[in-house]
Amino acid sequence: MHRTAVVGTALATATAAALIAGCRAGETTVDGRGQERPRARADTSASARETPRPRRTFTHEPTAKPSAKAVVRSPRTTEPAPPRRTAPRVAPPVIAFGTTSDRVRELQARLRALGLFHRNPTGYFGTVTQASVSAYQRGHGLTATGSVDQRTWASLRSATKTPTHDALYPPTTLPLAKPDPRCKTGRVLCISKSSRTLAWMINGRVVSAMDVRFGSEYTPTREGLFQVNFKSRDHVSTIYDTPMPYAMFFSGGQAVHYSADFAARGYSGASHGCVNVRDKKKIAALFDQVKAGDKVVVYK
């Protein structure tokens, strides 16, 4: 009995060890009755292998995550263009700059009546006239453009009287000065340095007038009361060898005569002491009227 128990115990121990080994090796198993059976080995053939899972495909390339150094740019925005600036509308002129006409002459006469144009009307719309127009516009609540538009022209006409013929067509470019008292009697060549004009007067009445210029500071025209000594229609200077047409001498070598240089250069030049006239027709007509012995008055 004792031996049987020992044998049984040994057998149970061996069985347990085998079971443990079989479990580790995966080669045995125990059925429901407690009997050990060999474990069926897994089929390792190619046909028994598990079918591999299909690889995942993408219809679009996956977006890679930006690296730490990657720069993420914000979408570019277009700045709206600034509004277009349009130039202020300027009313068209009714008297254009740079033109010559009777209407320009009327414009100048009206401005002169207001003391804004300091010359006699010439009919030419230049910078002097333009400055006078600007002065009128500033004084009458108008935009000082210097351009004579319809509004400026209507305003000026309502502010002045219609110019007379003498106001429109004066005998000289510059206004005549008040005559010297010595010019009011007899036949006189009345010459004013301040107004730069010569007036041919008979008994205080102006017969004709013209623009003149005088000598420079180094060769000044003498002032005073003189008389015409002699006349020379086609005179040529013996000192300067220059033409002196329609010369009327009154003081030594000084004379009233026509000057082509004065006609061409205006007041930018000067004489050698003579009284230059630039209007050839006027000096030719004056030459025929003046006689030797007539008075010549040169004054400031």
C-alpha atoms as a PDB file:
ATOM      1  CA  MET A   1       0.000   0.000   0.000  1.00  0.00           C
ATOM      2  CA  HIS A   2       2.787   2.302   0.797  1.00  0.00           C
ATOM      3  CA  ARG A   3       4.604   1.407  -2.406  1.00  0.00           C
ATOM      4  CA  THR A   4       1.487   2.022  -4.426  1.00  0.00           C
ATOM      5  CA  ALA A   5       1.070   5.426  -2.960  1.00  0.00           C
ATOM      6  CA  VAL A   6       4.637   6.295  -3.696  1.00  0.00           C
ATOM      7  CA  VAL A   7       4.355   5.125  -7.247  1.00  0.00           C
ATOM      8  CA  GLY A   8       1.144   7.069  -7.662  1.00  0.00           C
ATOM      9  CA  THR A   9       2.730  10.129  -6.243  1.00  0.00           C
ATOM     10  CA  ALA A  10       5.716   9.796  -8.574  1.00  0.00           C
ATOM     11  CA  LEU A  11       3.453   9.258 -11.524  1.00  0.00           C
ATOM     12  CA  ALA A  12       1.425  12.328 -10.683  1.00  0.00           C
ATOM     13  CA  THR A  13       4.574  14.361 -10.306  1.00  0.00           C
ATOM     14  CA  ALA A  14       5.895  13.152 -13.640  1.00  0.00           C
ATOM     15  CA  THR A  15       2.591  13.881 -15.293  1.00  0.00           C
ATOM     16  CA  ALA A  16       2.533  17.386 -13.908  1.00  0.00           C
ATOM     17  CA  ALA A  17       6.080  18.011 -15.098  1.00  0.00           C
ATOM     18  CA  ALA A  18       5.218  16.750 -18.512  1.00  0.00           C
ATOM     19  CA  LEU A  19       2.190  18.949 -18.601  1.00  0.00           C
ATOM     20  CA  ILE A  20       4.245  21.958 -17.662  1.00  0.00           C
ATOM     21  CA  ALA A  21       6.866  21.132 -20.260  1.00  0.00           C
ATOM     22  CA  GLY A  22       4.203  20.488 -22.836  1.00  0.00           C
ATOM     23  CA  CYS A  23       2.594  23.816 -22.108  1.00  0.00           C
ATOM     24  CA  ARG A  24       5.905  25.526 -22.500  1.00  0.00           C
ATOM     25  CA  ALA A  25       6.677  23.687 -25.674  1.00  0.00           C
ATOM     26  CA  GLY A  26       3.176  24.034 -26.969  1.00  0.00           C
ATOM     27  CA  GLU A  27       3.151  20.330 -27.904  1.00  0.00           C
ATOM     28  CA  THR A  28       0.527  18.899 -25.466  1.00  0.00           C
ATOM     29  CA  THR A  29      -2.870  19.785 -24.157  1.00  0.00           C
ATOM     30  CA  VAL A  30      -5.321  18.280 -21.610  1.00  0.00           C
ATOM     31  CA  ASP A  31      -8.779  17.240 -22.676  1.00  0.00           C
ATOM     32  CA  GLY A  32     -11.973  17.464 -20.639  1.00  0.00           C
ATOM     33  CA  ARG A  33     -11.276  14.217 -18.857  1.00  0.00           C
ATOM     34  CA  GLY A  34      -7.910  15.300 -17.592  1.00  0.00           C
ATOM     35  CA  GLN A  35      -6.034  13.256 -20.170  1.00  0.00           C
ATOM     36  CA  GLU A  36      -3.030  14.737 -21.874  1.00  0.00           C
ATOM     37  CA  ARG A  37      -3.016  14.858 -25.651  1.00  0.00           C
ATOM     38  CA  PRO A  38      -0.412  16.149 -28.097  1.00  0.00           C
ATOM     39  CA  ARG A  39      -1.237  19.652 -29.279  1.00  0.00           C
ATOM     40  CA  ALA A  40      -1.801  19.938 -32.958  1.00  0.00           C
ATOM     41  CA  ARG A  41       1.038  21.753 -34.498  1.00  0.00           C
ATOM     42  CA  ALA A  42       0.322  24.869 -36.460  1.00  0.00           C
ATOM     43  CA  ASP A  43       0.513  24.537 -40.202  1.00  0.00           C
ATOM     44  CA  THR A  44       3.444  26.603 -41.273  1.00  0.00           C
ATOM     45  CA  SER A  45       3.063  25.975 -44.962  1.00  0.00           C
ATOM     46  CA  ALA A  46       2.708  28.844 -47.323  1.00  0.00           C
ATOM     47  CA  SER A  47      -0.949  28.082 -47.936  1.00  0.00           C
ATOM     48  CA  ALA A  48      -1.686  28.193 -44.250  1.00  0.00           C
ATOM     49  CA  ARG A  49       0.027  31.474 -43.600  1.00  0.00           C
ATOM     50  CA  GLU A  50      -2.151  34.405 -42.729  1.00  0.00           C
ATOM     51  CA  THR A  51      -2.974  36.556 -45.726  1.00  0.00           C
ATOM     52  CA  PRO A  52      -1.120  39.857 -45.307  1.00  0.00           C
ATOM     53  CA  ARG A  53      -3.234  42.911 -44.840  1.00  0.00           C
ATOM     54  CA  PRO A  54      -3.452  45.096 -47.927  1.00  0.00           C
ATOM     55  CA  ARG A  55      -1.336  48.270 -47.776  1.00  0.00           C
ATOM     56  CA  ARG A  56      -3.245  51.449 -47.194  1.00  0.00           C
ATOM     57  CA  THR A  57      -3.333  53.654 -50.213  1.00  0.00           C
ATOM     58  CA  PHE A  58      -4.091  57.347 -50.453  1.00  0.00           C
ATOM     59  CA  THR A  59      -5.978  59.109 -53.168  1.00  0.00           C
ATOM     60  CA  HIS A  60      -3.917  62.216 -52.360  1.00  0.00           C
ATOM     61  CA  GLU A  61      -0.401  62.612 -51.189  1.00  0.00           C
ATOM     62  CA  PRO A  62      -0.475  63.008 -47.400  1.00  0.00           C
ATOM     63  CA  THR A  63       0.432  66.450 -46.231  1.00  0.00           C
ATOM     64  CA  ALA A  64       3.746  66.494 -44.491  1.00  0.00           C
ATOM     65  CA  LYS A  65       3.943  68.355 -41.254  1.00  0.00           C
ATOM     66  CA  PRO A  66       6.044  71.517 -41.558  1.00  0.00           C
ATOM     67  CA  SER A  67       9.407  71.269 -39.912  1.00  0.00           C
ATOM     68  CA  ALA A  68      10.408  73.629 -37.168  1.00  0.00           C
ATOM     69  CA  LYS A  69      12.369  75.751 -39.664  1.00  0.00           C
ATOM     70  CA  ALA A  70       9.602  75.921 -42.210  1.00  0.00           C
ATOM     71  CA  VAL A  71       8.158  79.402 -42.763  1.00  0.00           C
ATOM     72  CA  VAL A  72       4.413  79.548 -43.010  1.00  0.00           C
ATOM     73  CA  ARG A  73       3.467  82.415 -45.324  1.00  0.00           C
ATOM     74  CA  SER A  74       0.161  84.145 -45.003  1.00  0.00           C
ATOM     75  CA  PRO A  75      -1.842  84.524 -48.175  1.00  0.00           C
ATOM     76  CA  ARG A  76      -0.906  87.653 -50.150  1.00  0.00           C
ATOM     77  CA  THR A  77      -3.450  90.401 -49.939  1.00  0.00           C
ATOM     78  CA  THR A  78      -3.812  93.059 -52.618  1.00  0.00           C
ATOM     79  CA  GLU A  79      -3.908  96.608 -51.269  1.00  0.00           C
ATOM     80  CA  PRO A  80      -6.728  98.602 -52.854  1.00  0.00           C
ATOM     81  CA  ALA A  81      -5.499 101.250 -55.312  1.00  0.00           C
ATOM     82  CA  PRO A  82      -5.858 104.846 -54.134  1.00  0.00           C
ATOM     83  CA  PRO A  83      -8.675 106.790 -55.730  1.00  0.00           C
ATOM     84  CA  ARG A  84      -7.705 108.657 -58.883  1.00  0.00           C
ATOM     85  CA  ARG A  85      -7.346 112.356 -58.491  1.00  0.00           C
ATOM     86  CA  THR A  86      -8.928 114.456 -61.146  1.00  0.00           C
ATOM     87  CA  ALA A  87      -7.640 117.931 -61.913  1.00  0.00           C
ATOM     88  CA  PRO A  88     -10.031 120.744 -61.101  1.00  0.00           C
ATOM     89  CA  ARG A  89     -12.035 121.786 -64.087  1.00  0.00           C
ATOM     90  CA  VAL A  90     -10.872 125.088 -65.510  1.00  0.00           C
ATOM     91  CA  ALA A  91     -13.345 127.249 -67.370  1.00  0.00           C
ATOM     92  CA  PRO A  92     -12.259 127.963 -70.946  1.00  0.00           C
ATOM     93  CA  PRO A  93     -10.990 131.492 -71.567  1.00  0.00           C
ATOM     94  CA  VAL A  94     -13.010 133.934 -73.611  1.00  0.00           C
ATOM     95  CA  ILE A  95      -9.829 135.964 -74.210  1.00  0.00           C
ATOM     96  CA  ALA A  96      -6.803 133.719 -74.685  1.00  0.00           C
ATOM     97  CA  PHE A  97      -3.307 134.428 -73.423  1.00  0.00           C
ATOM     98  CA  GLY A  98      -0.799 135.266 -76.156  1.00  0.00           C
ATOM     99  CA  THR A  99      -3.395 136.609 -78.601  1.00  0.00           C
ATOM    100  CA  THR A 100      -3.774 140.031 -80.190  1.00  0.00           C
ATOM    101  CA  SER A 101      -7.242 141.450 -80.762  1.00  0.00           C
ATOM    102  CA  ASP A 102      -9.576 144.391 -80.187  1.00  0.00           C
ATOM    103  CA  ARG A 103     -11.111 142.503 -77.271  1.00  0.00           C
ATOM    104  CA  VAL A 104      -7.694 142.364 -75.586  1.00  0.00           C
ATOM    105  CA  ARG A 105      -7.414 146.114 -76.123  1.00  0.00           C
ATOM    106  CA  GLU A 106     -10.817 146.562 -74.447  1.00  0.00           C
ATOM    107  CA  LEU A 107      -9.727 144.305 -71.573  1.00  0.00           C
ATOM    108  CA  GLN A 108      -6.615 146.433 -71.023  1.00  0.00           C
ATOM    109  CA  ALA A 109      -8.576 149.692 -71.212  1.00  0.00           C
ATOM    110  CA  ARG A 110     -11.044 148.457 -68.592  1.00  0.00           C
ATOM    111  CA  LEU A 111      -8.244 147.300 -66.304  1.00  0.00           C
ATOM    112  CA  ARG A 112      -6.455 150.616 -66.759  1.00  0.00           C
ATOM    113  CA  ALA A 113      -9.625 152.487 -65.784  1.00  0.00           C
ATOM    114  CA  LEU A 114      -9.469 150.610 -62.458  1.00  0.00           C
ATOM    115  CA  GLY A 115      -5.784 151.424 -61.976  1.00  0.00           C
ATOM    116  CA  LEU A 116      -4.706 147.820 -62.511  1.00  0.00           C
ATOM    117  CA  PHE A 117      -3.031 148.150 -65.916  1.00  0.00           C
ATOM    118  CA  HIS A 118      -0.334 150.812 -65.908  1.00  0.00           C
ATOM    119  CA  ARG A 119       0.210 151.122 -69.635  1.00  0.00           C
ATOM    120  CA  ASN A 120      -1.831 152.206 -72.574  1.00  0.00           C
ATOM    121  CA  PRO A 121      -3.731 149.439 -74.387  1.00  0.00           C
ATOM    122  CA  THR A 122      -1.676 147.577 -76.969  1.00  0.00           C
ATOM    123  CA  GLY A 123      -4.106 144.787 -77.927  1.00  0.00           C
ATOM    124  CA  TYR A 124      -1.606 142.050 -76.985  1.00  0.00           C
ATOM    125  CA  PHE A 125      -2.363 139.678 -74.078  1.00  0.00           C
ATOM    126  CA  GLY A 126       1.032 139.116 -72.435  1.00  0.00           C
ATOM    127  CA  THR A 127       2.368 138.592 -68.919  1.00  0.00           C
ATOM    128  CA  VAL A 128       1.714 142.206 -67.859  1.00  0.00           C
ATOM    129  CA  THR A 129      -1.958 141.898 -68.798  1.00  0.00           C
ATOM    130  CA  GLN A 130      -2.143 138.488 -67.138  1.00  0.00           C
ATOM    131  CA  ALA A 131      -0.823 139.923 -63.859  1.00  0.00           C
ATOM    132  CA  SER A 132      -3.410 142.701 -64.037  1.00  0.00           C
ATOM    133  CA  VAL A 133      -6.198 140.164 -64.556  1.00  0.00           C
ATOM    134  CA  SER A 134      -4.993 138.196 -61.515  1.00  0.00           C
ATOM    135  CA  ALA A 135      -5.016 141.402 -59.438  1.00  0.00           C
ATOM    136  CA  TYR A 136      -8.611 142.094 -60.494  1.00  0.00           C
ATOM    137  CA  GLN A 137      -9.683 138.524 -59.645  1.00  0.00           C
ATOM    138  CA  ARG A 138      -8.136 138.693 -56.183  1.00  0.00           C
ATOM    139  CA  GLY A 139      -9.947 141.938 -55.451  1.00  0.00           C
ATOM    140  CA  HIS A 140     -13.334 140.678 -56.596  1.00  0.00           C
ATOM    141  CA  GLY A 141     -13.606 137.269 -54.959  1.00  0.00           C
ATOM    142  CA  LEU A 142     -12.564 135.284 -58.020  1.00  0.00           C
ATOM    143  CA  THR A 143      -9.925 132.587 -58.341  1.00  0.00           C
ATOM    144  CA  ALA A 144      -6.706 134.369 -59.341  1.00  0.00           C
ATOM    145  CA  THR A 145      -5.778 132.360 -62.430  1.00  0.00           C
ATOM    146  CA  GLY A 146      -4.877 135.260 -64.709  1.00  0.00           C
ATOM    147  CA  SER A 147      -7.164 133.695 -67.304  1.00  0.00           C
ATOM    148  CA  VAL A 148     -10.164 135.651 -68.558  1.00  0.00           C
ATOM    149  CA  ASP A 149     -13.033 133.204 -68.371  1.00  0.00           C
ATOM    150  CA  GLN A 150     -16.690 134.128 -68.872  1.00  0.00           C
ATOM    151  CA  ARG A 151     -17.248 134.903 -65.196  1.00  0.00           C
ATOM    152  CA  THR A 152     -14.222 137.223 -64.967  1.00  0.00           C
ATOM    153  CA  TRP A 153     -15.103 139.009 -68.192  1.00  0.00           C
ATOM    154  CA  ALA A 154     -18.712 139.579 -67.120  1.00  0.00           C
ATOM    155  CA  SER A 155     -17.568 140.882 -63.729  1.00  0.00           C
ATOM    156  CA  LEU A 156     -15.057 143.295 -65.264  1.00  0.00           C
ATOM    157  CA  ARG A 157     -17.568 144.659 -67.769  1.00  0.00           C
ATOM    158  CA  SER A 158     -20.113 145.309 -65.039  1.00  0.00           C
ATOM    159  CA  ALA A 159     -17.475 147.108 -62.940  1.00  0.00           C
ATOM    160  CA  THR A 160     -16.298 149.502 -65.678  1.00  0.00           C
ATOM    161  CA  LYS A 161     -17.679 151.786 -68.353  1.00  0.00           C
ATOM    162  CA  THR A 162     -17.345 151.134 -72.051  1.00  0.00           C
ATOM    163  CA  PRO A 163     -13.929 152.556 -73.099  1.00  0.00           C
ATOM    164  CA  THR A 164     -13.872 155.520 -75.463  1.00  0.00           C
ATOM    165  CA  HIS A 165     -11.957 155.473 -78.727  1.00  0.00           C
ATOM    166  CA  ASP A 166      -9.166 157.582 -77.241  1.00  0.00           C
ATOM    167  CA  ALA A 167      -8.909 155.189 -74.304  1.00  0.00           C
ATOM    168  CA  LEU A 168      -8.684 152.223 -76.661  1.00  0.00           C
ATOM    169  CA  TYR A 169      -6.242 153.825 -79.117  1.00  0.00           C
ATOM    170  CA  PRO A 170      -3.972 156.211 -77.201  1.00  0.00           C
ATOM    171  CA  PRO A 171      -1.073 157.810 -79.063  1.00  0.00           C
ATOM    172  CA  THR A 172       1.596 156.071 -76.960  1.00  0.00           C
ATOM    173  CA  THR A 173       2.174 152.702 -75.329  1.00  0.00           C
ATOM    174  CA  LEU A 174       2.769 154.403 -71.970  1.00  0.00           C
ATOM    175  CA  PRO A 175       0.429 156.989 -70.463  1.00  0.00           C
ATOM    176  CA  LEU A 176       1.382 160.583 -71.121  1.00  0.00           C
ATOM    177  CA  ALA A 177       2.684 162.497 -68.153  1.00  0.00           C
ATOM    178  CA  LYS A 178       1.257 165.774 -67.028  1.00  0.00           C
ATOM    179  CA  PRO A 179       2.878 168.340 -69.362  1.00  0.00           C
ATOM    180  CA  ASP A 180       5.490 170.710 -68.063  1.00  0.00           C
ATOM    181  CA  PRO A 181       4.162 174.313 -67.807  1.00  0.00           C
ATOM    182  CA  ARG A 182       6.660 175.341 -70.515  1.00  0.00           C
ATOM    183  CA  CYS A 183       4.876 172.993 -72.931  1.00  0.00           C
ATOM    184  CA  LYS A 184       1.526 174.803 -72.728  1.00  0.00           C
ATOM    185  CA  THR A 185       2.313 177.629 -75.118  1.00  0.00           C
ATOM    186  CA  GLY A 186       3.653 177.646 -78.667  1.00  0.00           C
ATOM    187  CA  ARG A 187       4.950 174.765 -80.728  1.00  0.00           C
ATOM    188  CA  VAL A 188       6.743 172.353 -78.432  1.00  0.00           C
ATOM    189  CA  LEU A 189       8.368 168.937 -78.425  1.00  0.00           C
ATOM    190  CA  CYS A 190       7.347 168.074 -74.822  1.00  0.00           C
ATOM    191  CA  ILE A 191       9.552 165.197 -73.654  1.00  0.00           C
ATOM    192  CA  SER A 192       8.978 163.461 -70.272  1.00  0.00           C
ATOM    193  CA  LYS A 193      11.645 161.178 -68.827  1.00  0.00           C
ATOM    194  CA  SER A 194       9.325 159.762 -66.155  1.00  0.00           C
ATOM    195  CA  SER A 195       6.653 158.593 -68.606  1.00  0.00           C
ATOM    196  CA  ARG A 196       9.161 157.994 -71.448  1.00  0.00           C
ATOM    197  CA  THR A 197       6.946 159.798 -73.925  1.00  0.00           C
ATOM    198  CA  LEU A 198       7.189 162.641 -76.416  1.00  0.00           C
ATOM    199  CA  ALA A 199       4.130 164.800 -77.089  1.00  0.00           C
ATOM    200  CA  TRP A 200       4.056 167.182 -80.025  1.00  0.00           C
ATOM    201  CA  MET A 201       1.967 170.064 -78.690  1.00  0.00           C
ATOM    202  CA  ILE A 202       0.666 173.252 -80.265  1.00  0.00           C
ATOM    203  CA  ASN A 203      -0.713 175.872 -77.843  1.00  0.00           C
ATOM    204  CA  GLY A 204      -1.306 173.262 -75.110  1.00  0.00           C
ATOM    205  CA  ARG A 205      -3.008 170.699 -77.393  1.00  0.00           C
ATOM    206  CA  VAL A 206      -1.470 167.291 -78.041  1.00  0.00           C
ATOM    207  CA  VAL A 207      -1.215 166.760 -81.802  1.00  0.00           C
ATOM    208  CA  SER A 208       0.659 163.462 -81.685  1.00  0.00           C
ATOM    209  CA  ALA A 209       2.609 161.387 -79.180  1.00  0.00           C
ATOM    210  CA  MET A 210       5.093 158.514 -79.212  1.00  0.00           C
ATOM    211  CA  ASP A 211       7.297 156.315 -77.002  1.00  0.00           C
ATOM    212  CA  VAL A 212      10.910 157.404 -76.496  1.00  0.00           C
ATOM    213  CA  ARG A 213      14.025 156.281 -74.642  1.00  0.00           C
ATOM    214  CA  PHE A 214      17.052 158.215 -73.427  1.00  0.00           C
ATOM    215  CA  GLY A 215      20.784 158.006 -72.853  1.00  0.00           C
ATOM    216  CA  SER A 216      22.399 155.789 -70.239  1.00  0.00           C
ATOM    217  CA  GLU A 217      23.789 157.055 -66.942  1.00  0.00           C
ATOM    218  CA  TYR A 218      27.176 157.489 -68.637  1.00  0.00           C
ATOM    219  CA  THR A 219      25.729 159.452 -71.583  1.00  0.00           C
ATOM    220  CA  PRO A 220      22.590 161.087 -70.120  1.00  0.00           C
ATOM    221  CA  THR A 221      20.107 163.130 -72.100  1.00  0.00           C
ATOM    222  CA  ARG A 222      20.291 166.752 -70.984  1.00  0.00           C
ATOM    223  CA  GLU A 223      17.240 168.333 -69.392  1.00  0.00           C
ATOM    224  CA  GLY A 224      15.965 171.867 -69.851  1.00  0.00           C
ATOM    225  CA  LEU A 225      14.487 174.258 -72.386  1.00  0.00           C
ATOM    226  CA  PHE A 226      15.985 174.077 -75.893  1.00  0.00           C
ATOM    227  CA  GLN A 227      15.003 174.687 -79.486  1.00  0.00           C
ATOM    228  CA  VAL A 228      15.395 172.798 -82.747  1.00  0.00           C
ATOM    229  CA  ASN A 229      18.642 173.950 -84.318  1.00  0.00           C
ATOM    230  CA  PHE A 230      18.557 172.000 -87.586  1.00  0.00           C
ATOM    231  CA  LYS A 231      17.005 168.890 -89.153  1.00  0.00           C
ATOM    232  CA  SER A 232      18.585 166.034 -91.141  1.00  0.00           C
ATOM    233  CA  ARG A 233      16.336 163.422 -92.729  1.00  0.00           C
ATOM    234  CA  ASP A 234      19.022 160.784 -93.477  1.00  0.00           C
ATOM    235  CA  HIS A 235      21.619 161.713 -90.910  1.00  0.00           C
ATOM    236  CA  VAL A 236      24.507 159.399 -89.937  1.00  0.00           C
ATOM    237  CA  SER A 237      26.421 159.933 -86.689  1.00  0.00           C
ATOM    238  CA  THR A 238      29.957 161.199 -87.297  1.00  0.00           C
ATOM    239  CA  ILE A 239      31.022 159.900 -83.864  1.00  0.00           C
ATOM    240  CA  TYR A 240      29.466 156.409 -83.795  1.00  0.00           C
ATOM    241  CA  ASP A 241      28.914 155.934 -87.546  1.00  0.00           C
ATOM    242  CA  THR A 242      25.305 154.854 -86.978  1.00  0.00           C
ATOM    243  CA  PRO A 243      22.155 155.932 -88.863  1.00  0.00           C
ATOM    244  CA  MET A 244      20.015 158.676 -87.251  1.00  0.00           C
ATOM    245  CA  PRO A 245      17.007 159.030 -89.612  1.00  0.00           C
ATOM    246  CA  TYR A 246      14.682 162.027 -89.158  1.00  0.00           C
ATOM    247  CA  ALA A 247      17.115 163.733 -86.793  1.00  0.00           C
ATOM    248  CA  MET A 248      16.055 167.030 -85.141  1.00  0.00           C
ATOM    249  CA  PHE A 249      19.002 168.425 -83.157  1.00  0.00           C
ATOM    250  CA  PHE A 250      18.300 170.524 -80.073  1.00  0.00           C
ATOM    251  CA  SER A 251      21.442 170.448 -77.850  1.00  0.00           C
ATOM    252  CA  GLY A 252      24.873 170.010 -79.415  1.00  0.00           C
ATOM    253  CA  GLY A 253      25.010 166.468 -80.816  1.00  0.00           C
ATOM    254  CA  GLN A 254      21.827 165.375 -79.073  1.00  0.00           C
ATOM    255  CA  ALA A 255      18.743 165.008 -81.268  1.00  0.00           C
ATOM    256  CA  VAL A 256      15.302 163.458 -81.529  1.00  0.00           C
ATOM    257  CA  HIS A 257      15.509 160.693 -84.162  1.00  0.00           C
ATOM    258  CA  TYR A 258      14.328 157.235 -85.200  1.00  0.00           C
ATOM    259  CA  SER A 259      16.206 154.229 -83.744  1.00  0.00           C
ATOM    260  CA  ALA A 260      16.070 150.784 -85.328  1.00  0.00           C
ATOM    261  CA  ASP A 261      17.735 149.413 -82.183  1.00  0.00           C
ATOM    262  CA  PHE A 262      14.927 150.816 -80.014  1.00  0.00           C
ATOM    263  CA  ALA A 263      12.369 149.269 -82.356  1.00  0.00           C
ATOM    264  CA  ALA A 264      14.074 145.868 -82.036  1.00  0.00           C
ATOM    265  CA  ARG A 265      15.243 145.773 -78.400  1.00  0.00           C
ATOM    266  CA  GLY A 266      12.886 148.141 -76.625  1.00  0.00           C
ATOM    267  CA  TYR A 267      13.954 149.539 -73.278  1.00  0.00           C
ATOM    268  CA  SER A 268      16.687 146.937 -72.762  1.00  0.00           C
ATOM    269  CA  GLY A 269      19.044 149.317 -74.550  1.00  0.00           C
ATOM    270  CA  ALA A 270      19.860 153.055 -74.352  1.00  0.00           C
ATOM    271  CA  SER A 271      21.079 155.878 -76.553  1.00  0.00           C
ATOM    272  CA  HIS A 272      24.246 157.956 -76.371  1.00  0.00           C
ATOM    273  CA  GLY A 273      22.240 160.930 -75.161  1.00  0.00           C
ATOM    274  CA  CYS A 274      19.727 161.349 -77.962  1.00  0.00           C
ATOM    275  CA  VAL A 275      15.962 160.945 -77.690  1.00  0.00           C
ATOM    276  CA  ASN A 276      15.166 157.711 -79.568  1.00  0.00           C
ATOM    277  CA  VAL A 277      11.786 157.074 -81.205  1.00  0.00           C
ATOM    278  CA  ARG A 278      10.778 153.517 -82.194  1.00  0.00           C
ATOM    279  CA  ASP A 279       7.720 154.232 -84.366  1.00  0.00           C
ATOM    280  CA  LYS A 280       9.131 155.117 -87.781  1.00  0.00           C
ATOM    281  CA  LYS A 281       5.850 156.333 -89.270  1.00  0.00           C
ATOM    282  CA  LYS A 282       5.186 158.689 -86.368  1.00  0.00           C
ATOM    283  CA  ILE A 283       8.670 160.213 -86.355  1.00  0.00           C
ATOM    284  CA  ALA A 284       8.530 160.640 -90.158  1.00  0.00           C
ATOM    285  CA  ALA A 285       5.229 162.560 -89.863  1.00  0.00           C
ATOM    286  CA  LEU A 286       6.602 164.616 -86.951  1.00  0.00           C
ATOM    287  CA  PHE A 287       9.742 165.478 -88.903  1.00  0.00           C
ATOM    288  CA  ASP A 288       7.597 167.034 -91.636  1.00  0.00           C
ATOM    289  CA  GLN A 289       5.718 169.234 -89.120  1.00  0.00           C
ATOM    290  CA  VAL A 290       8.517 170.488 -86.880  1.00  0.00           C
ATOM    291  CA  LYS A 291      10.427 173.594 -87.913  1.00  0.00           C
ATOM    292  CA  ALA A 292      13.750 174.964 -86.875  1.00  0.00           C
ATOM    293  CA  GLY A 293      13.231 177.257 -83.848  1.00  0.00           C
ATOM    294  CA  ASP A 294      10.401 175.215 -82.320  1.00  0.00           C
ATOM    295  CA  LYS A 295      10.794 174.634 -78.578  1.00  0.00           C
ATOM    296  CA  VAL A 296      12.093 171.423 -77.031  1.00  0.00           C
ATOM    297  CA  VAL A 297      11.374 170.813 -73.332  1.00  0.00           C
ATOM    298  CA  VAL A 298      13.050 167.829 -71.628  1.00  0.00           C
ATOM    299  CA  TYR A 299      11.929 167.293 -68.028  1.00  0.00           C
ATOM    300  CA  LYS A 300      11.597 164.655 -65.341  1.00  0.00           C
END
